[in-house]
PDB file of N, CA and C in Angstrom:
ATOM      1  N   MET A   1     115.436 -11.070  94.549  1.00  0.00           N
ATOM      2  CA  MET A   1     115.809 -12.302  94.889  1.00  0.00           C
ATOM      3  C   MET A   1     116.768 -12.601  93.666  1.00  0.00           C
ATOM      4  N   THR A   2     118.246 -13.023  94.009  1.00  0.00           N
ATOM      5  CA  THR A   2     118.952 -13.115  92.346  1.00  0.00           C
ATOM      6  C   THR A   2     119.239 -14.811  92.934  1.00  0.00           C
ATOM      7  N   ILE A   3     119.164 -15.560  91.900  1.00  0.00           N
ATOM      8  CA  ILE A   3     119.283 -16.991  91.758  1.00  0.00           C
ATOM      9  C   ILE A   3     120.450 -17.321  91.041  1.00  0.00           C
ATOM     10  N   THR A   4     121.441 -17.824  91.886  1.00  0.00           N
ATOM     11  CA  THR A   4     122.967 -18.231  91.216  1.00  0.00           C
ATOM     12  C   THR A   4     122.888 -19.737  90.933  1.00  0.00           C
ATOM     13  N   PRO A   5     123.082 -20.120  89.763  1.00  0.00           N
ATOM     14  CA  PRO A   5     123.170 -21.498  89.506  1.00  0.00           C
ATOM     15  C   PRO A   5     124.444 -22.076  89.981  1.00  0.00           C
ATOM     16  N   VAL A   6     124.344 -23.179  90.346  1.00  0.00           N
ATOM     17  CA  VAL A   6     125.732 -23.976  90.590  1.00  0.00           C
ATOM     18  C   VAL A   6     125.691 -25.252  90.262  1.00  0.00           C
ATOM     19  N   ILE A   7     126.941 -25.560  89.696  1.00  0.00           N
ATOM     20  CA  ILE A   7     126.903 -26.934  88.858  1.00  0.00           C
ATOM     21  C   ILE A   7     127.967 -27.671  89.967  1.00  0.00           C
ATOM     22  N   LEU A   8     127.555 -28.848  90.139  1.00  0.00           N
ATOM     23  CA  LEU A   8     128.678 -29.654  91.282  1.00  0.00           C
ATOM     24  C   LEU A   8     129.273 -30.512  90.803  1.00  0.00           C
ATOM     25  N   CYS A   9     130.448 -30.780  90.743  1.00  0.00           N
ATOM     26  CA  CYS A   9     131.185 -31.769  90.282  1.00  0.00           C
ATOM     27  C   CYS A   9     132.309 -32.127  91.016  1.00  0.00           C
ATOM     28  N   GLY A  10     133.068 -33.528  91.154  1.00  0.00           N
ATOM     29  CA  GLY A  10     133.942 -33.644  91.739  1.00  0.00           C
ATOM     30  C   GLY A  10     134.323 -35.162  91.744  1.00  0.00           C
ATOM     31  N   GLY A  11     135.272 -35.616  92.420  1.00  0.00           N
ATOM     32  CA  GLY A  11     135.716 -36.896  92.139  1.00  0.00           C
ATOM     33  C   GLY A  11     137.176 -37.257  92.139  1.00  0.00           C
ATOM     34  N   THR A  12     137.819 -38.317  92.264  1.00  0.00           N
ATOM     35  CA  THR A  12     138.924 -38.779  92.508  1.00  0.00           C
ATOM     36  C   THR A  12     139.771 -39.014  91.249  1.00  0.00           C
ATOM     37  N   GLY A  13     138.885 -39.086  89.870  1.00  0.00           N
ATOM     38  CA  GLY A  13     139.476 -39.328  88.838  1.00  0.00           C
ATOM     39  C   GLY A  13     140.175 -40.557  88.444  1.00  0.00           C
ATOM     40  N   THR A  14     139.454 -41.952  88.966  1.00  0.00           N
ATOM     41  CA  THR A  14     139.973 -43.094  88.979  1.00  0.00           C
ATOM     42  C   THR A  14     139.054 -43.725  87.711  1.00  0.00           C
ATOM     43  N   ARG A  15     137.783 -43.591  87.388  1.00  0.00           N
ATOM     44  CA  ARG A  15     136.775 -44.252  86.538  1.00  0.00           C
ATOM     45  C   ARG A  15     137.447 -44.240  85.380  1.00  0.00           C
ATOM     46  N   LEU A  16     137.756 -43.106  84.857  1.00  0.00           N
ATOM     47  CA  LEU A  16     138.199 -43.184  83.206  1.00  0.00           C
ATOM     48  C   LEU A  16     139.958 -43.244  82.869  1.00  0.00           C
ATOM     49  N   TRP A  17     140.473 -43.594  84.445  1.00  0.00           N
ATOM     50  CA  TRP A  17     141.909 -43.519  84.344  1.00  0.00           C
ATOM     51  C   TRP A  17     142.621 -44.230  83.240  1.00  0.00           C
ATOM     52  N   PRO A  18     143.717 -44.219  82.607  1.00  0.00           N
ATOM     53  CA  PRO A  18     144.497 -42.889  82.682  1.00  0.00           C
ATOM     54  C   PRO A  18     144.196 -41.532  82.007  1.00  0.00           C
ATOM     55  N   LEU A  19     142.960 -41.614  81.492  1.00  0.00           N
ATOM     56  CA  LEU A  19     142.583 -40.496  80.627  1.00  0.00           C
ATOM     57  C   LEU A  19     142.264 -39.206  81.834  1.00  0.00           C
ATOM     58  N   SER A  20     141.184 -39.783  82.622  1.00  0.00           N
ATOM     59  CA  SER A  20     141.018 -38.835  83.745  1.00  0.00           C
ATOM     60  C   SER A  20     141.737 -38.997  84.811  1.00  0.00           C
ATOM     61  N   ARG A  21     142.148 -37.957  85.617  1.00  0.00           N
ATOM     62  CA  ARG A  21     143.223 -38.153  86.680  1.00  0.00           C
ATOM     63  C   ARG A  21     142.598 -36.988  87.694  1.00  0.00           C
ATOM     64  N   GLU A  22     143.231 -36.986  89.145  1.00  0.00           N
ATOM     65  CA  GLU A  22     142.659 -36.209  90.045  1.00  0.00           C
ATOM     66  C   GLU A  22     142.862 -34.420  89.532  1.00  0.00           C
ATOM     67  N   GLY A  23     144.140 -34.245  88.815  1.00  0.00           N
ATOM     68  CA  GLY A  23     144.526 -32.850  88.573  1.00  0.00           C
ATOM     69  C   GLY A  23     143.578 -32.582  87.166  1.00  0.00           C
ATOM     70  N   TYR A  24     143.154 -33.409  86.450  1.00  0.00           N
ATOM     71  CA  TYR A  24     142.392 -33.283  85.191  1.00  0.00           C
ATOM     72  C   TYR A  24     141.267 -34.298  84.947  1.00  0.00           C
ATOM     73  N   PRO A  25     139.994 -34.008  85.937  1.00  0.00           N
ATOM     74  CA  PRO A  25     139.087 -34.985  85.769  1.00  0.00           C
ATOM     75  C   PRO A  25     138.180 -34.876  84.533  1.00  0.00           C
ATOM     76  N   LYS A  26     137.313 -35.964  84.313  1.00  0.00           N
ATOM     77  CA  LYS A  26     136.501 -36.033  83.147  1.00  0.00           C
ATOM     78  C   LYS A  26     135.734 -35.134  82.734  1.00  0.00           C
ATOM     79  N   GLN A  27     135.258 -34.035  83.635  1.00  0.00           N
ATOM     80  CA  GLN A  27     134.434 -32.775  83.544  1.00  0.00           C
ATOM     81  C   GLN A  27     135.139 -31.941  82.497  1.00  0.00           C
ATOM     82  N   PHE A  28     136.161 -32.216  82.300  1.00  0.00           N
ATOM     83  CA  PHE A  28     137.184 -31.130  81.604  1.00  0.00           C
ATOM     84  C   PHE A  28     137.818 -31.702  80.179  1.00  0.00           C
ATOM     85  N   TRP A  29     137.243 -32.892  79.873  1.00  0.00           N
ATOM     86  CA  TRP A  29     137.578 -33.718  78.688  1.00  0.00           C
ATOM     87  C   TRP A  29     136.514 -33.643  77.747  1.00  0.00           C
ATOM     88  N   PRO A  30     136.737 -33.380  76.425  1.00  0.00           N
ATOM     89  CA  PRO A  30     135.758 -33.177  75.535  1.00  0.00           C
ATOM     90  C   PRO A  30     135.256 -34.837  75.098  1.00  0.00           C
ATOM     91  N   LEU A  31     134.513 -35.594  75.817  1.00  0.00           N
ATOM     92  CA  LEU A  31     134.523 -37.111  75.449  1.00  0.00           C
ATOM     93  C   LEU A  31     133.363 -37.275  74.737  1.00  0.00           C
ATOM     94  N   VAL A  32     132.265 -36.551  74.750  1.00  0.00           N
ATOM     95  CA  VAL A  32     131.195 -36.958  73.898  1.00  0.00           C
ATOM     96  C   VAL A  32     131.015 -35.957  72.756  1.00  0.00           C
ATOM     97  N   SER A  33     131.305 -34.801  72.792  1.00  0.00           N
ATOM     98  CA  SER A  33     131.308 -33.822  71.503  1.00  0.00           C
ATOM     99  C   SER A  33     132.490 -33.098  71.611  1.00  0.00           C
ATOM    100  N   ALA A  34     132.736 -31.910  70.738  1.00  0.00           N
ATOM    101  CA  ALA A  34     133.921 -31.347  70.718  1.00  0.00           C
ATOM    102  C   ALA A  34     133.837 -30.280  72.087  1.00  0.00           C
ATOM    103  N   ARG A  35     132.875 -30.243  72.711  1.00  0.00           N
ATOM    104  CA  ARG A  35     132.780 -29.345  74.040  1.00  0.00           C
ATOM    105  C   ARG A  35     132.856 -30.182  75.155  1.00  0.00           C
ATOM    106  N   THR A  36     133.550 -29.797  76.293  1.00  0.00           N
ATOM    107  CA  THR A  36     133.535 -30.625  77.618  1.00  0.00           C
ATOM    108  C   THR A  36     132.534 -30.960  78.274  1.00  0.00           C
ATOM    109  N   MET A  37     132.198 -31.865  78.843  1.00  0.00           N
ATOM    110  CA  MET A  37     130.950 -32.388  79.929  1.00  0.00           C
ATOM    111  C   MET A  37     130.716 -30.967  80.718  1.00  0.00           C
ATOM    112  N   LEU A  38     131.522 -30.362  81.181  1.00  0.00           N
ATOM    113  CA  LEU A  38     131.287 -28.831  82.018  1.00  0.00           C
ATOM    114  C   LEU A  38     130.324 -27.889  81.020  1.00  0.00           C
ATOM    115  N   GLN A  39     131.233 -27.739  79.834  1.00  0.00           N
ATOM    116  CA  GLN A  39     130.466 -26.762  78.873  1.00  0.00           C
ATOM    117  C   GLN A  39     129.040 -27.087  78.629  1.00  0.00           C
ATOM    118  N   GLU A  40     128.820 -28.493  78.205  1.00  0.00           N
ATOM    119  CA  GLU A  40     127.505 -29.026  77.708  1.00  0.00           C
ATOM    120  C   GLU A  40     126.625 -28.775  79.014  1.00  0.00           C
ATOM    121  N   THR A  41     127.235 -28.917  80.269  1.00  0.00           N
ATOM    122  CA  THR A  41     126.196 -28.891  81.467  1.00  0.00           C
ATOM    123  C   THR A  41     126.017 -27.530  81.374  1.00  0.00           C
ATOM    124  N   ALA A  42     126.772 -26.557  81.492  1.00  0.00           N
ATOM    125  CA  ALA A  42     126.231 -25.005  81.274  1.00  0.00           C
ATOM    126  C   ALA A  42     125.494 -24.650  80.285  1.00  0.00           C
ATOM    127  N   GLY A  43     125.998 -25.342  79.228  1.00  0.00           N
ATOM    128  CA  GLY A  43     124.760 -24.757  77.990  1.00  0.00           C
ATOM    129  C   GLY A  43     123.308 -25.038  78.322  1.00  0.00           C
ATOM    130  N   ARG A  44     123.253 -25.995  79.026  1.00  0.00           N
ATOM    131  CA  ARG A  44     121.779 -26.909  79.144  1.00  0.00           C
ATOM    132  C   ARG A  44     120.961 -25.855  80.252  1.00  0.00           C
TER     133      ARG A  44
END
């Protein structure tokens, strides 16, 4: 059996507006470190 990890993320980009937008949500911004939140999650 193969296990495939899946990282769920989404939203409308309204909480950190104008930095976060629907086309470029906060998961793709390096907010906490030099890496994006998505990269940090994948690294864990």
